[in-house]
Amino acid sequence: MKTAKILFLLLLLGIMPHLTAQKQAKYADRGDALIYYEVSGQGKPVVILHGGLGNIDGYTSLADSLKKAHKVIAVSFRGHNRSTLGNRPYSFGLFAEDIIAVLDNEKERKASVVGFSDGGVTAYCLAALYPQRIDRIISLAGCFRYSDYKPEGVNWIKTVTGKGRLGADASPNDLARMDSLITYMRPLWQTEVYLSKEAAATIQSPTLIIGGDKDFFFETSCFEEAHCTIPNSELVILPNTGHNLNQPEIIHKHIVPFLKE
């Protein structure tokens, strides 16, 4: 009875909607690793996937834009942010398994996915490997294989370090953790095929592919090939735009409307 009275008072004071809108921090246990994710908003679920060596903190504006109409599940890939490294060799298939485990943890049968770079590759893998679990996907600067990288992108993969990523002023612990993560990620990036064209051709989820014509890592032909391969796909090539597609104008002009369709 006391609990019911407290809830009634919170609703009366307008506090309850604020509380339910708060971000929830959670973990999915994968046995060898704990996958950290944050949940906000209500409605049809949308998973946000960051890029390699990134973290979900950089996608607050995207989450805020989507949580008005969706349950937003922002996931940190294993080894990134608050997720633990685990001990299995990294692959985009493994990342996709981790995301399915998160959906299972949330008791969500189906979700849409918005992924950037490595997150975009994982979105493709999810749609190909788990078609019954994926509604729509948006791949921002995602590719199919290692050979899609420009020479400067290949050089970055071969030479990136924790200090280069975080800066010399980062703490020794942070630098050591980033170097450990890079040790796991480098073989993943250098895997020749992330998702075969044959597997990509089976994707039935409505797919939006977005790329910039001045992407540091990829030629626009990479995004055009994905569009030609995936049957139910749309392609947007943005002029004078680099690899970073996590921008307000892209969110509101392309991502939000596509998820509403």
Protein backbone atom coordinates (compact mmCIF):
# COMPACT_ATOMS: atom_id res chain seq x y z
CA MET A 1 0.00 0.00 0.00
CA LYS A 2 2.82 2.39 0.89
CA THR A 3 4.54 1.66 -2.43
CA ALA A 4 1.35 2.41 -4.36
CA LYS A 5 0.94 5.71 -2.52
CA ILE A 6 4.54 6.71 -3.24
CA LEU A 7 4.14 5.90 -6.96
CA PHE A 8 0.91 7.90 -7.04
CA LEU A 9 2.64 10.91 -5.45
CA LEU A 10 5.55 10.66 -7.90
CA LEU A 11 3.15 10.62 -10.83
CA LEU A 12 1.22 13.52 -9.35
CA LEU A 13 4.39 15.56 -8.98
CA GLY A 14 5.54 14.70 -12.51
CA ILE A 15 8.64 12.95 -11.24
CA MET A 16 7.90 9.43 -12.48
CA PRO A 17 8.23 10.15 -16.23
CA HIS A 18 11.59 11.76 -15.50
CA LEU A 19 12.78 8.70 -13.59
CA THR A 20 11.70 6.22 -16.26
CA ALA A 21 13.49 8.31 -18.90
CA GLN A 22 16.79 8.00 -17.07
CA LYS A 23 19.57 5.97 -18.64
CA GLN A 24 20.03 2.47 -17.18
CA ALA A 25 23.49 0.88 -17.10
CA LYS A 26 23.49 -2.90 -17.56
CA TYR A 27 25.70 -5.89 -18.42
CA ALA A 28 25.13 -9.04 -20.47
CA ASP A 29 27.23 -11.98 -19.29
CA ARG A 30 28.84 -13.81 -22.22
CA GLY A 31 30.86 -16.22 -20.11
CA ASP A 32 34.29 -14.97 -21.15
CA ALA A 33 33.26 -11.30 -21.21
CA LEU A 34 30.79 -8.83 -19.74
CA ILE A 35 29.12 -6.64 -22.38
CA TYR A 36 28.20 -3.20 -21.07
CA TYR A 37 25.19 -1.34 -22.46
CA GLU A 38 22.89 1.53 -21.59
CA VAL A 39 19.13 1.68 -22.04
CA SER A 40 17.00 4.81 -22.38
CA GLY A 41 13.61 5.77 -23.78
CA GLN A 42 10.60 3.62 -24.60
CA GLY A 43 9.11 2.15 -27.77
CA LYS A 44 10.38 -0.10 -30.55
CA PRO A 45 14.00 -1.03 -29.72
CA VAL A 46 16.97 0.43 -31.58
CA VAL A 47 20.54 -0.73 -30.93
CA ILE A 48 23.36 1.82 -31.33
CA LEU A 49 26.82 0.43 -32.17
CA HIS A 50 29.93 2.63 -32.04
CA GLY A 51 33.08 2.33 -34.14
CA GLY A 52 36.31 0.48 -33.39
CA LEU A 53 38.25 1.88 -30.40
CA GLY A 54 35.30 4.22 -29.76
CA ASN A 55 32.65 4.18 -27.08
CA ILE A 56 28.98 4.92 -26.59
CA ASP A 57 29.67 8.24 -24.84
CA GLY A 58 30.15 9.85 -28.24
CA TYR A 59 26.61 8.93 -29.34
CA THR A 60 24.60 10.79 -26.72
CA SER A 61 23.01 13.13 -29.27
CA LEU A 62 21.94 10.17 -31.42
CA ALA A 63 20.49 8.36 -28.41
CA ASP A 64 18.69 11.51 -27.27
CA SER A 65 17.18 11.97 -30.73
CA LEU A 66 15.94 8.37 -30.89
CA LYS A 67 14.75 7.80 -27.34
CA LYS A 68 11.73 10.07 -27.88
CA ALA A 69 10.15 7.29 -29.95
CA HIS A 70 12.31 4.24 -29.26
CA LYS A 71 13.84 2.12 -26.56
CA VAL A 72 17.51 2.87 -27.23
CA ILE A 73 20.11 0.21 -26.39
CA ALA A 74 23.63 1.62 -26.76
CA VAL A 75 26.18 -1.20 -26.60
CA SER A 76 29.92 -1.12 -25.95
CA PHE A 77 31.72 -3.79 -27.95
CA ARG A 78 33.75 -6.26 -25.89
CA GLY A 79 37.00 -4.67 -24.70
CA HIS A 80 35.64 -1.16 -25.26
CA ASN A 81 34.60 1.29 -22.57
CA ARG A 82 33.20 -0.69 -19.61
CA SER A 83 32.94 -4.03 -21.44
CA THR A 84 35.65 -6.57 -20.57
CA LEU A 85 38.11 -7.92 -23.12
CA GLY A 86 37.21 -11.58 -22.89
CA ASN A 87 39.57 -14.25 -24.21
CA ARG A 88 38.08 -15.28 -27.57
CA PRO A 89 39.56 -14.17 -30.92
CA TYR A 90 37.59 -11.14 -32.10
CA SER A 91 35.40 -11.37 -35.18
CA PHE A 92 32.37 -9.48 -36.41
CA GLY A 93 30.40 -12.69 -36.03
CA LEU A 94 31.38 -12.74 -32.34
CA PHE A 95 30.34 -9.10 -31.98
CA ALA A 96 26.98 -10.00 -33.54
CA GLU A 97 26.58 -12.84 -31.02
CA ASP A 98 27.25 -10.35 -28.22
CA ILE A 99 24.49 -8.06 -29.49
CA ILE A 100 22.01 -10.94 -29.66
CA ALA A 101 22.93 -11.75 -26.05
CA VAL A 102 22.11 -8.15 -25.12
CA LEU A 103 18.73 -8.39 -26.87
CA ASP A 104 18.07 -11.66 -25.04
CA ASN A 105 19.02 -9.96 -21.77
CA GLU A 106 16.47 -7.26 -22.55
CA LYS A 107 13.89 -9.85 -23.63
CA GLU A 108 13.61 -8.13 -27.01
CA ARG A 109 12.64 -10.42 -29.87
CA LYS A 110 13.54 -7.96 -32.62
CA ALA A 111 15.33 -4.63 -32.95
CA SER A 112 16.64 -2.16 -35.49
CA VAL A 113 20.38 -1.40 -35.53
CA VAL A 114 22.32 1.80 -36.19
CA GLY A 115 26.03 1.07 -36.51
CA PHE A 116 29.03 3.28 -37.27
CA SER A 117 32.16 1.89 -39.00
CA ASP A 118 32.86 -1.41 -37.15
CA GLY A 119 29.31 -1.03 -35.84
CA GLY A 120 28.11 -0.76 -39.42
CA VAL A 121 29.89 -4.00 -40.32
CA THR A 122 28.32 -5.67 -37.28
CA ALA A 123 24.90 -4.40 -38.38
CA TYR A 124 25.38 -6.17 -41.72
CA CYS A 125 26.41 -9.38 -39.91
CA LEU A 126 23.41 -9.22 -37.60
CA ALA A 127 20.99 -8.83 -40.50
CA ALA A 128 22.64 -11.69 -42.43
CA LEU A 129 23.14 -14.13 -39.54
CA TYR A 130 20.06 -13.37 -37.43
CA PRO A 131 17.39 -12.20 -39.89
CA GLN A 132 14.52 -13.07 -37.56
CA ARG A 133 15.96 -10.79 -34.86
CA ILE A 134 16.65 -7.68 -36.92
CA ASP A 135 14.11 -5.17 -38.19
CA ARG A 136 15.94 -2.33 -39.99
CA ILE A 137 19.63 -1.54 -40.19
CA ILE A 138 21.55 1.65 -40.83
CA SER A 139 25.21 1.15 -41.70
CA LEU A 140 27.31 4.30 -41.43
CA ALA A 141 30.69 3.88 -43.16
CA GLY A 142 30.67 0.08 -42.92
CA CYS A 143 32.46 -2.29 -45.31
CA PHE A 144 32.66 -6.01 -46.18
CA ARG A 145 36.40 -6.79 -46.18
CA TYR A 146 39.91 -5.67 -45.28
CA SER A 147 40.76 -4.94 -48.91
CA ASP A 148 38.08 -2.21 -48.91
CA TYR A 149 40.44 0.00 -46.90
CA LYS A 150 42.40 2.72 -48.64
CA PRO A 151 46.23 2.54 -48.23
CA GLU A 152 46.09 5.24 -45.54
CA GLY A 153 43.47 3.22 -43.68
CA VAL A 154 45.62 0.08 -43.86
CA ASN A 155 48.57 2.07 -42.53
CA TRP A 156 46.43 3.34 -39.62
CA ILE A 157 45.43 -0.21 -38.73
CA LYS A 158 49.07 -1.35 -38.75
CA THR A 159 50.44 1.57 -36.72
CA VAL A 160 47.72 2.77 -34.31
CA THR A 161 48.76 2.69 -30.63
CA GLY A 162 47.15 3.51 -27.32
CA LYS A 163 49.20 6.68 -27.04
CA GLY A 164 48.27 7.72 -30.56
CA ARG A 165 44.61 7.11 -29.80
CA LEU A 166 44.37 8.61 -26.29
CA GLY A 167 47.28 11.06 -26.24
CA ALA A 168 50.43 11.12 -24.17
CA ASP A 169 48.61 12.62 -21.18
CA ALA A 170 46.41 9.54 -20.69
CA SER A 171 46.98 7.50 -17.55
CA PRO A 172 49.27 4.45 -17.72
CA ASN A 173 46.29 2.20 -16.95
CA ASP A 174 44.21 3.69 -19.78
CA LEU A 175 47.12 3.41 -22.22
CA ALA A 176 47.75 -0.22 -21.25
CA ARG A 177 44.07 -1.09 -21.63
CA MET A 178 43.87 0.59 -25.05
CA ASP A 179 47.01 -1.21 -26.21
CA SER A 180 45.49 -4.52 -25.08
CA LEU A 181 42.31 -3.73 -26.99
CA ILE A 182 44.29 -2.87 -30.14
CA THR A 183 46.07 -6.22 -29.83
CA TYR A 184 42.66 -7.91 -30.07
CA MET A 185 41.24 -5.57 -32.74
CA ARG A 186 44.12 -5.53 -35.22
CA PRO A 187 43.68 -9.19 -36.33
CA LEU A 188 39.94 -8.52 -36.63
CA TRP A 189 40.48 -5.58 -38.97
CA GLN A 190 43.05 -7.57 -40.99
CA THR A 191 40.68 -10.48 -41.57
CA GLU A 192 40.23 -10.60 -45.33
CA VAL A 193 36.43 -11.09 -45.38
CA TYR A 194 34.14 -9.65 -42.69
CA LEU A 195 30.95 -10.72 -44.45
CA SER A 196 30.83 -12.48 -47.81
CA LYS A 197 28.88 -10.97 -50.69
CA GLU A 198 26.82 -14.15 -50.81
CA ALA A 199 25.79 -13.71 -47.16
CA ALA A 200 25.16 -9.97 -47.64
CA ALA A 201 22.90 -10.76 -50.61
CA THR A 202 20.60 -12.69 -48.28
CA ILE A 203 19.87 -9.63 -46.10
CA GLN A 204 16.16 -8.86 -46.27
CA SER A 205 15.98 -6.13 -43.63
CA PRO A 206 15.36 -2.65 -45.01
CA THR A 207 18.85 -1.18 -45.07
CA LEU A 208 20.14 2.38 -45.23
CA ILE A 209 23.80 2.75 -46.24
CA ILE A 210 25.43 6.12 -45.61
CA GLY A 211 28.97 7.10 -46.58
CA GLY A 212 31.00 10.23 -47.08
CA ASP A 213 32.78 11.02 -50.34
CA LYS A 214 35.90 12.07 -48.41
CA ASP A 215 36.04 9.11 -46.00
CA PHE A 216 39.61 8.63 -44.71
CA PHE A 217 39.30 4.83 -44.72
CA PHE A 218 37.06 3.90 -47.68
CA GLU A 219 36.31 4.81 -51.28
CA THR A 220 32.64 5.43 -52.09
CA SER A 221 32.78 2.29 -54.28
CA CYS A 222 32.72 0.30 -51.02
CA PHE A 223 29.32 1.74 -50.09
CA GLU A 224 28.04 1.45 -53.66
CA GLU A 225 28.95 -2.24 -53.73
CA ALA A 226 27.05 -2.82 -50.47
CA HIS A 227 24.01 -1.11 -51.99
CA CYS A 228 24.19 -3.25 -55.14
CA THR A 229 24.59 -6.42 -53.06
CA ILE A 230 21.88 -5.93 -50.43
CA PRO A 231 18.46 -6.22 -52.13
CA ASN A 232 16.29 -3.94 -49.99
CA SER A 233 18.76 -1.11 -49.50
CA GLU A 234 19.03 2.63 -49.96
CA LEU A 235 22.28 4.52 -50.49
CA VAL A 236 23.23 8.04 -49.43
CA ILE A 237 26.65 9.42 -50.38
CA LEU A 238 27.24 12.70 -48.57
CA PRO A 239 29.36 15.35 -50.34
CA ASN A 240 32.38 16.88 -48.60
CA THR A 241 31.95 14.45 -45.71
CA GLY A 242 34.58 12.31 -44.01
CA HIS A 243 34.43 9.17 -41.87
CA ASN A 244 32.63 10.79 -38.94
CA LEU A 245 28.92 10.48 -39.73
CA ASN A 246 27.70 10.99 -36.17
CA GLN A 247 26.46 14.50 -36.92
CA PRO A 248 23.16 16.22 -36.02
CA GLU A 249 22.18 16.99 -39.61
CA ILE A 250 22.70 13.34 -40.63
CA ILE A 251 20.81 12.09 -37.59
CA HIS A 252 17.75 14.25 -38.22
CA LYS A 253 17.73 14.19 -42.02
CA HIS A 254 18.45 10.49 -42.60
CA ILE A 255 18.56 8.26 -39.53
CA VAL A 256 15.42 9.34 -37.66
CA PRO A 257 13.18 9.38 -40.77
CA PHE A 258 14.40 5.95 -41.95
CA LEU A 259 13.58 4.37 -38.59
CA LYS A 260 10.10 5.93 -38.72
CA GLU A 261 9.23 4.40 -42.09
